[in-house]
Amino acid sequence: MLSELVGNVVRHAGTPMQVTLTLRKPYLRVAVMDGSPADARAATGRDPRAEGGRGLMLVRELTQRWGSAPAGAGKVVWAMLPAN
């Protein structure tokens, strides 16, 4: 899941990023902040038959919750996983 979020910054935002991991039981929160204001949620409606573009669909299916929010000139995309 982290590699999908980081990969999206490399492929689509092309900006510096900051990765934050926060453990607050019962969840691990993973957040990746980039410098692009593009809406991350818009990327989840892609054609499932396409060769790429499934990263955020995977994040959505494999996490308890996920989302994005504006942060400075860019955004932060976060996801929460059970911390078992």
PDB file of N, CA and C in Angstrom:
ATOM      1  N   MET A   1       0.815  -1.169   0.000  1.00  0.00           N
ATOM      2  CA  MET A   1       0.000   0.000   0.000  1.00  0.00           C
ATOM      3  C   MET A   1       0.871   1.250   0.000  1.00  0.00           C
ATOM      4  N   LEU A   2       1.900   1.267   0.825  1.00  0.00           N
ATOM      5  CA  LEU A   2       2.801   2.412   0.842  1.00  0.00           C
ATOM      6  C   LEU A   2       3.474   2.585  -0.518  1.00  0.00           C
ATOM      7  N   SER A   3       3.891   1.486  -1.141  1.00  0.00           N
ATOM      8  CA  SER A   3       4.541   1.602  -2.448  1.00  0.00           C
ATOM      9  C   SER A   3       3.587   2.169  -3.496  1.00  0.00           C
ATOM     10  N   GLU A   4       2.302   1.871  -3.399  1.00  0.00           N
ATOM     11  CA  GLU A   4       1.325   2.447  -4.333  1.00  0.00           C
ATOM     12  C   GLU A   4       1.217   3.955  -4.140  1.00  0.00           C
ATOM     13  N   LEU A   5       1.145   4.403  -2.896  1.00  0.00           N
ATOM     14  CA  LEU A   5       1.029   5.842  -2.633  1.00  0.00           C
ATOM     15  C   LEU A   5       2.283   6.590  -3.052  1.00  0.00           C
ATOM     16  N   VAL A   6       3.456   6.033  -2.750  1.00  0.00           N
ATOM     17  CA  VAL A   6       4.715   6.666  -3.141  1.00  0.00           C
ATOM     18  C   VAL A   6       4.861   6.631  -4.666  1.00  0.00           C
ATOM     19  N   GLY A   7       4.511   5.513  -5.272  1.00  0.00           N
ATOM     20  CA  GLY A   7       4.578   5.398  -6.729  1.00  0.00           C
ATOM     21  C   GLY A   7       3.713   6.420  -7.435  1.00  0.00           C
ATOM     22  N   ASN A   8       2.558   6.730  -6.866  1.00  0.00           N
ATOM     23  CA  ASN A   8       1.681   7.737  -7.463  1.00  0.00           C
ATOM     24  C   ASN A   8       2.337   9.116  -7.454  1.00  0.00           C
ATOM     25  N   VAL A   9       3.045   9.430  -6.385  1.00  0.00           N
ATOM     26  CA  VAL A   9       3.740  10.723  -6.346  1.00  0.00           C
ATOM     27  C   VAL A   9       4.814  10.758  -7.427  1.00  0.00           C
ATOM     28  N   VAL A  10       5.583   9.688  -7.546  1.00  0.00           N
ATOM     29  CA  VAL A  10       6.662   9.639  -8.540  1.00  0.00           C
ATOM     30  C   VAL A  10       6.087   9.734  -9.955  1.00  0.00           C
ATOM     31  N   ARG A  11       5.036   8.960 -10.245  1.00  0.00           N
ATOM     32  CA  ARG A  11       4.479   8.914 -11.600  1.00  0.00           C
ATOM     33  C   ARG A  11       3.644  10.130 -11.955  1.00  0.00           C
ATOM     34  N   HIS A  12       2.858  10.636 -11.011  1.00  0.00           N
ATOM     35  CA  HIS A  12       1.867  11.655 -11.367  1.00  0.00           C
ATOM     36  C   HIS A  12       2.190  13.053 -10.843  1.00  0.00           C
ATOM     37  N   ALA A  13       2.654  13.171  -9.626  1.00  0.00           N
ATOM     38  CA  ALA A  13       2.921  14.500  -9.064  1.00  0.00           C
ATOM     39  C   ALA A  13       4.314  14.994  -9.444  1.00  0.00           C
ATOM     40  N   GLY A  14       5.298  14.113  -9.380  1.00  0.00           N
ATOM     41  CA  GLY A  14       6.659  14.494  -9.714  1.00  0.00           C
ATOM     42  C   GLY A  14       7.225  15.580  -8.814  1.00  0.00           C
ATOM     43  N   THR A  15       6.806  15.594  -7.560  1.00  0.00           N
ATOM     44  CA  THR A  15       7.250  16.606  -6.607  1.00  0.00           C
ATOM     45  C   THR A  15       7.938  15.922  -5.429  1.00  0.00           C
ATOM     46  N   PRO A  16       8.647  16.678  -4.608  1.00  0.00           N
ATOM     47  CA  PRO A  16       9.131  16.090  -3.358  1.00  0.00           C
ATOM     48  C   PRO A  16       7.947  15.578  -2.537  1.00  0.00           C
ATOM     49  N   MET A  17       8.217  14.612  -1.687  1.00  0.00           N
ATOM     50  CA  MET A  17       7.146  14.039  -0.866  1.00  0.00           C
ATOM     51  C   MET A  17       7.618  13.848   0.556  1.00  0.00           C
ATOM     52  N   GLN A  18       6.642  13.692   1.438  1.00  0.00           N
ATOM     53  CA  GLN A  18       6.925  13.382   2.836  1.00  0.00           C
ATOM     54  C   GLN A  18       6.044  12.196   3.221  1.00  0.00           C
ATOM     55  N   VAL A  19       6.664  11.158   3.783  1.00  0.00           N
ATOM     56  CA  VAL A  19       5.941   9.965   4.226  1.00  0.00           C
ATOM     57  C   VAL A  19       5.889   9.985   5.740  1.00  0.00           C
ATOM     58  N   THR A  20       4.703   9.776   6.292  1.00  0.00           N
ATOM     59  CA  THR A  20       4.522   9.740   7.743  1.00  0.00           C
ATOM     60  C   THR A  20       3.786   8.458   8.119  1.00  0.00           C
ATOM     61  N   LEU A  21       4.330   7.732   9.082  1.00  0.00           N
ATOM     62  CA  LEU A  21       3.688   6.539   9.639  1.00  0.00           C
ATOM     63  C   LEU A  21       3.359   6.832  11.088  1.00  0.00           C
ATOM     64  N   THR A  22       2.102   6.625  11.463  1.00  0.00           N
ATOM     65  CA  THR A  22       1.663   6.898  12.824  1.00  0.00           C
ATOM     66  C   THR A  22       0.937   5.674  13.365  1.00  0.00           C
ATOM     67  N   LEU A  23       1.431   5.147  14.474  1.00  0.00           N
ATOM     68  CA  LEU A  23       0.793   3.998  15.105  1.00  0.00           C
ATOM     69  C   LEU A  23      -0.026   4.479  16.291  1.00  0.00           C
ATOM     70  N   ARG A  24      -1.320   4.345  16.178  1.00  0.00           N
ATOM     71  CA  ARG A  24      -2.247   4.603  17.274  1.00  0.00           C
ATOM     72  C   ARG A  24      -3.199   3.427  17.290  1.00  0.00           C
ATOM     73  N   LYS A  25      -2.860   2.467  18.129  1.00  0.00           N
ATOM     74  CA  LYS A  25      -3.634   1.225  18.147  1.00  0.00           C
ATOM     75  C   LYS A  25      -5.112   1.530  18.278  1.00  0.00           C
ATOM     76  N   PRO A  26      -5.924   0.882  17.494  1.00  0.00           N
ATOM     77  CA  PRO A  26      -5.654  -0.345  16.752  1.00  0.00           C
ATOM     78  C   PRO A  26      -5.255  -0.129  15.289  1.00  0.00           C
ATOM     79  N   TYR A  27      -4.815   1.077  14.891  1.00  0.00           N
ATOM     80  CA  TYR A  27      -4.514   1.343  13.493  1.00  0.00           C
ATOM     81  C   TYR A  27      -3.109   1.887  13.266  1.00  0.00           C
ATOM     82  N   LEU A  28      -2.592   1.584  12.069  1.00  0.00           N
ATOM     83  CA  LEU A  28      -1.397   2.221  11.550  1.00  0.00           C
ATOM     84  C   LEU A  28      -1.874   3.163  10.455  1.00  0.00           C
ATOM     85  N   ARG A  29      -1.531   4.451  10.589  1.00  0.00           N
ATOM     86  CA  ARG A  29      -1.910   5.440   9.578  1.00  0.00           C
ATOM     87  C   ARG A  29      -0.682   5.741   8.738  1.00  0.00           C
ATOM     88  N   VAL A  30      -0.833   5.588   7.424  1.00  0.00           N
ATOM     89  CA  VAL A  30       0.219   5.877   6.458  1.00  0.00           C
ATOM     90  C   VAL A  30      -0.225   7.103   5.683  1.00  0.00           C
ATOM     91  N   ALA A  31       0.625   8.128   5.612  1.00  0.00           N
ATOM     92  CA  ALA A  31       0.270   9.348   4.889  1.00  0.00           C
ATOM     93  C   ALA A  31       1.425   9.755   3.993  1.00  0.00           C
ATOM     94  N   VAL A  32       1.099  10.169   2.768  1.00  0.00           N
ATOM     95  CA  VAL A  32       2.099  10.647   1.815  1.00  0.00           C
ATOM     96  C   VAL A  32       1.647  12.023   1.331  1.00  0.00           C
ATOM     97  N   MET A  33       2.475  13.027   1.596  1.00  0.00           N
ATOM     98  CA  MET A  33       2.164  14.390   1.180  1.00  0.00           C
ATOM     99  C   MET A  33       3.020  14.740  -0.032  1.00  0.00           C
ATOM    100  N   ASP A  34       2.387  15.362  -1.036  1.00  0.00           N
ATOM    101  CA  ASP A  34       3.118  15.789  -2.224  1.00  0.00           C
ATOM    102  C   ASP A  34       2.790  17.241  -2.537  1.00  0.00           C
ATOM    103  N   GLY A  35       3.360  17.759  -3.610  1.00  0.00           N
ATOM    104  CA  GLY A  35       3.176  19.160  -3.965  1.00  0.00           C
ATOM    105  C   GLY A  35       2.178  19.394  -5.078  1.00  0.00           C
ATOM    106  N   SER A  36       1.379  18.388  -5.414  1.00  0.00           N
ATOM    107  CA  SER A  36       0.390  18.527  -6.488  1.00  0.00           C
ATOM    108  C   SER A  36      -1.013  18.664  -5.900  1.00  0.00           C
ATOM    109  N   PRO A  37      -1.769  19.675  -6.355  1.00  0.00           N
ATOM    110  CA  PRO A  37      -3.132  19.832  -5.841  1.00  0.00           C
ATOM    111  C   PRO A  37      -4.144  18.903  -6.504  1.00  0.00           C
ATOM    112  N   ALA A  38      -3.730  18.076  -7.474  1.00  0.00           N
ATOM    113  CA  ALA A  38      -4.659  17.186  -8.183  1.00  0.00           C
ATOM    114  C   ALA A  38      -5.377  16.273  -7.196  1.00  0.00           C
ATOM    115  N   ASP A  39      -6.666  16.083  -7.403  1.00  0.00           N
ATOM    116  CA  ASP A  39      -7.507  15.283  -6.513  1.00  0.00           C
ATOM    117  C   ASP A  39      -7.205  13.795  -6.665  1.00  0.00           C
ATOM    118  N   ALA A  40      -6.755  13.160  -5.619  1.00  0.00           N
ATOM    119  CA  ALA A  40      -6.424  11.733  -5.662  1.00  0.00           C
ATOM    120  C   ALA A  40      -7.659  10.875  -5.884  1.00  0.00           C
ATOM    121  N   ARG A  41      -8.798  11.267  -5.364  1.00  0.00           N
ATOM    122  CA  ARG A  41     -10.004  10.447  -5.494  1.00  0.00           C
ATOM    123  C   ARG A  41     -10.485  10.347  -6.935  1.00  0.00           C
ATOM    124  N   ALA A  42     -10.136  11.303  -7.774  1.00  0.00           N
ATOM    125  CA  ALA A  42     -10.543  11.259  -9.179  1.00  0.00           C
ATOM    126  C   ALA A  42      -9.902  10.084  -9.907  1.00  0.00           C
ATOM    127  N   ALA A  43      -8.796   9.584  -9.410  1.00  0.00           N
ATOM    128  CA  ALA A  43      -8.071   8.491 -10.074  1.00  0.00           C
ATOM    129  C   ALA A  43      -8.658   7.120  -9.783  1.00  0.00           C
ATOM    130  N   THR A  44      -9.670   6.997  -8.946  1.00  0.00           N
ATOM    131  CA  THR A  44     -10.196   5.674  -8.591  1.00  0.00           C
ATOM    132  C   THR A  44     -11.231   5.155  -9.574  1.00  0.00           C
ATOM    133  N   GLY A  45     -11.692   5.961 -10.495  1.00  0.00           N
ATOM    134  CA  GLY A  45     -12.740   5.535 -11.415  1.00  0.00           C
ATOM    135  C   GLY A  45     -12.219   5.072 -12.763  1.00  0.00           C
ATOM    136  N   ARG A  46     -10.996   4.635 -12.834  1.00  0.00           N
ATOM    137  CA  ARG A  46     -10.401   4.224 -14.111  1.00  0.00           C
ATOM    138  C   ARG A  46     -10.910   2.868 -14.567  1.00  0.00           C
ATOM    139  N   ASP A  47     -10.675   2.586 -15.840  1.00  0.00           N
ATOM    140  CA  ASP A  47     -11.083   1.332 -16.456  1.00  0.00           C
ATOM    141  C   ASP A  47     -10.299   0.166 -15.841  1.00  0.00           C
ATOM    142  N   PRO A  48     -10.984  -0.794 -15.222  1.00  0.00           N
ATOM    143  CA  PRO A  48     -10.273  -1.916 -14.583  1.00  0.00           C
ATOM    144  C   PRO A  48      -9.533  -2.804 -15.587  1.00  0.00           C
ATOM    145  N   ARG A  49      -9.824  -2.669 -16.883  1.00  0.00           N
ATOM    146  CA  ARG A  49      -9.133  -3.467 -17.903  1.00  0.00           C
ATOM    147  C   ARG A  49      -7.864  -2.788 -18.402  1.00  0.00           C
ATOM    148  N   ALA A  50      -7.625  -1.558 -17.988  1.00  0.00           N
ATOM    149  CA  ALA A  50      -6.418  -0.835 -18.414  1.00  0.00           C
ATOM    150  C   ALA A  50      -5.167  -1.487 -17.816  1.00  0.00           C
ATOM    151  N   GLU A  51      -4.015  -1.275 -18.467  1.00  0.00           N
ATOM    152  CA  GLU A  51      -2.766  -1.862 -17.985  1.00  0.00           C
ATOM    153  C   GLU A  51      -2.317  -1.286 -16.660  1.00  0.00           C
ATOM    154  N   GLY A  52      -2.606  -0.032 -16.385  1.00  0.00           N
ATOM    155  CA  GLY A  52      -2.205   0.604 -15.132  1.00  0.00           C
ATOM    156  C   GLY A  52      -3.380   1.338 -14.528  1.00  0.00           C
ATOM    157  N   GLY A  53      -3.090   2.105 -13.497  1.00  0.00           N
ATOM    158  CA  GLY A  53      -4.136   2.926 -12.901  1.00  0.00           C
ATOM    159  C   GLY A  53      -4.972   2.245 -11.841  1.00  0.00           C
ATOM    160  N   ARG A  54      -4.474   1.148 -11.280  1.00  0.00           N
ATOM    161  CA  ARG A  54      -5.248   0.450 -10.246  1.00  0.00           C
ATOM    162  C   ARG A  54      -4.739   0.691  -8.832  1.00  0.00           C
ATOM    163  N   GLY A  55      -3.722   1.523  -8.683  1.00  0.00           N
ATOM    164  CA  GLY A  55      -3.099   1.704  -7.369  1.00  0.00           C
ATOM    165  C   GLY A  55      -4.053   2.143  -6.286  1.00  0.00           C
ATOM    166  N   LEU A  56      -4.837   3.177  -6.537  1.00  0.00           N
ATOM    167  CA  LEU A  56      -5.752   3.652  -5.497  1.00  0.00           C
ATOM    168  C   LEU A  56      -6.943   2.717  -5.305  1.00  0.00           C
ATOM    169  N   MET A  57      -7.294   1.963  -6.348  1.00  0.00           N
ATOM    170  CA  MET A  57      -8.332   0.942  -6.157  1.00  0.00           C
ATOM    171  C   MET A  57      -7.812  -0.131  -5.198  1.00  0.00           C
ATOM    172  N   LEU A  58      -6.542  -0.506  -5.329  1.00  0.00           N
ATOM    173  CA  LEU A  58      -5.947  -1.470  -4.400  1.00  0.00           C
ATOM    174  C   LEU A  58      -5.905  -0.908  -2.986  1.00  0.00           C
ATOM    175  N   VAL A  59      -5.493   0.346  -2.862  1.00  0.00           N
ATOM    176  CA  VAL A  59      -5.454   0.988  -1.548  1.00  0.00           C
ATOM    177  C   VAL A  59      -6.845   0.969  -0.922  1.00  0.00           C
ATOM    178  N   ARG A  60      -7.847   1.310  -1.695  1.00  0.00           N
ATOM    179  CA  ARG A  60      -9.226   1.328  -1.189  1.00  0.00           C
ATOM    180  C   ARG A  60      -9.653  -0.054  -0.696  1.00  0.00           C
ATOM    181  N   GLU A  61      -9.318  -1.101  -1.447  1.00  0.00           N
ATOM    182  CA  GLU A  61      -9.755  -2.451  -1.092  1.00  0.00           C
ATOM    183  C   GLU A  61      -8.962  -3.066   0.048  1.00  0.00           C
ATOM    184  N   LEU A  62      -7.710  -2.662   0.229  1.00  0.00           N
ATOM    185  CA  LEU A  62      -6.841  -3.307   1.214  1.00  0.00           C
ATOM    186  C   LEU A  62      -6.744  -2.581   2.551  1.00  0.00           C
ATOM    187  N   THR A  63      -7.395  -1.431   2.667  1.00  0.00           N
ATOM    188  CA  THR A  63      -7.285  -0.655   3.895  1.00  0.00           C
ATOM    189  C   THR A  63      -8.631  -0.516   4.582  1.00  0.00           C
ATOM    190  N   GLN A  64      -8.579  -0.166   5.856  1.00  0.00           N
ATOM    191  CA  GLN A  64      -9.784   0.068   6.625  1.00  0.00           C
ATOM    192  C   GLN A  64     -10.491   1.332   6.126  1.00  0.00           C
ATOM    193  N   ARG A  65      -9.689   2.389   5.936  1.00  0.00           N
ATOM    194  CA  ARG A  65     -10.179   3.671   5.416  1.00  0.00           C
ATOM    195  C   ARG A  65      -9.033   4.342   4.675  1.00  0.00           C
ATOM    196  N   TRP A  66      -9.381   5.241   3.756  1.00  0.00           N
ATOM    197  CA  TRP A  66      -8.362   6.044   3.083  1.00  0.00           C
ATOM    198  C   TRP A  66      -9.015   7.340   2.637  1.00  0.00           C
ATOM    199  N   GLY A  67      -8.183   8.320   2.332  1.00  0.00           N
ATOM    200  CA  GLY A  67      -8.716   9.586   1.867  1.00  0.00           C
ATOM    201  C   GLY A  67      -7.603  10.528   1.474  1.00  0.00           C
ATOM    202  N   SER A  68      -7.991  11.736   1.120  1.00  0.00           N
ATOM    203  CA  SER A  68      -7.012  12.763   0.782  1.00  0.00           C
ATOM    204  C   SER A  68      -7.534  14.109   1.254  1.00  0.00           C
ATOM    205  N   ALA A  69      -6.617  15.028   1.466  1.00  0.00           N
ATOM    206  CA  ALA A  69      -6.979  16.367   1.932  1.00  0.00           C
ATOM    207  C   ALA A  69      -5.940  17.351   1.416  1.00  0.00           C
ATOM    208  N   PRO A  70      -6.352  18.592   1.154  1.00  0.00           N
ATOM    209  CA  PRO A  70      -5.381  19.607   0.763  1.00  0.00           C
ATOM    210  C   PRO A  70      -4.342  19.800   1.866  1.00  0.00           C
ATOM    211  N   ALA A  71      -3.105  20.068   1.449  1.00  0.00           N
ATOM    212  CA  ALA A  71      -2.013  20.313   2.397  1.00  0.00           C
ATOM    213  C   ALA A  71      -1.032  21.272   1.738  1.00  0.00           C
ATOM    214  N   GLY A  72      -0.989  22.505   2.205  1.00  0.00           N
ATOM    215  CA  GLY A  72      -0.118  23.501   1.595  1.00  0.00           C
ATOM    216  C   GLY A  72      -0.492  23.685   0.137  1.00  0.00           C
ATOM    217  N   ALA A  73       0.503  23.625  -0.753  1.00  0.00           N
ATOM    218  CA  ALA A  73       0.246  23.763  -2.185  1.00  0.00           C
ATOM    219  C   ALA A  73      -0.162  22.437  -2.819  1.00  0.00           C
ATOM    220  N   GLY A  74      -0.141  21.354  -2.044  1.00  0.00           N
ATOM    221  CA  GLY A  74      -0.438  20.031  -2.583  1.00  0.00           C
ATOM    222  C   GLY A  74      -1.537  19.336  -1.811  1.00  0.00           C
ATOM    223  N   LYS A  75      -1.280  18.083  -1.513  1.00  0.00           N
ATOM    224  CA  LYS A  75      -2.275  17.256  -0.808  1.00  0.00           C
ATOM    225  C   LYS A  75      -1.566  16.190   0.008  1.00  0.00           C
ATOM    226  N   VAL A  76      -2.322  15.581   0.891  1.00  0.00           N
ATOM    227  CA  VAL A  76      -1.856  14.400   1.606  1.00  0.00           C
ATOM    228  C   VAL A  76      -2.861  13.288   1.327  1.00  0.00           C
ATOM    229  N   VAL A  77      -2.353  12.123   0.959  1.00  0.00           N
ATOM    230  CA  VAL A  77      -3.192  10.929   0.760  1.00  0.00           C
ATOM    231  C   VAL A  77      -2.833   9.984   1.902  1.00  0.00           C
ATOM    232  N   TRP A  78      -3.854   9.509   2.604  1.00  0.00           N
ATOM    233  CA  TRP A  78      -3.619   8.693   3.789  1.00  0.00           C
ATOM    234  C   TRP A  78      -4.442   7.414   3.712  1.00  0.00           C
ATOM    235  N   ALA A  79      -4.002   6.430   4.480  1.00  0.00           N
ATOM    236  CA  ALA A  79      -4.716   5.168   4.590  1.00  0.00           C
ATOM    237  C   ALA A  79      -4.495   4.593   5.974  1.00  0.00           C
ATOM    238  N   MET A  80      -5.503   3.863   6.469  1.00  0.00           N
ATOM    239  CA  MET A  80      -5.411   3.260   7.793  1.00  0.00           C
ATOM    240  C   MET A  80      -5.539   1.749   7.673  1.00  0.00           C
ATOM    241  N   LEU A  81      -4.610   1.080   8.351  1.00  0.00           N
ATOM    242  CA  LEU A  81      -4.576  -0.382   8.373  1.00  0.00           C
ATOM    243  C   LEU A  81      -4.707  -0.869   9.800  1.00  0.00           C
ATOM    244  N   PRO A  82      -5.344  -2.016  10.021  1.00  0.00           N
ATOM    245  CA  PRO A  82      -5.334  -2.578  11.368  1.00  0.00           C
ATOM    246  C   PRO A  82      -3.904  -2.892  11.791  1.00  0.00           C
ATOM    247  N   ALA A  83      -3.538  -2.540  12.999  1.00  0.00           N
ATOM    248  CA  ALA A  83      -2.178  -2.756  13.514  1.00  0.00           C
ATOM    249  C   ALA A  83      -2.166  -4.016  14.379  1.00  0.00           C
ATOM    250  N   ASN A  84      -2.243  -5.142  13.744  1.00  0.00           N
ATOM    251  CA  ASN A  84      -2.256  -6.421  14.475  1.00  0.00           C
ATOM    252  C   ASN A  84      -0.872  -6.885  14.758  1.00  0.00           C
TER     253      ASN A  84
END
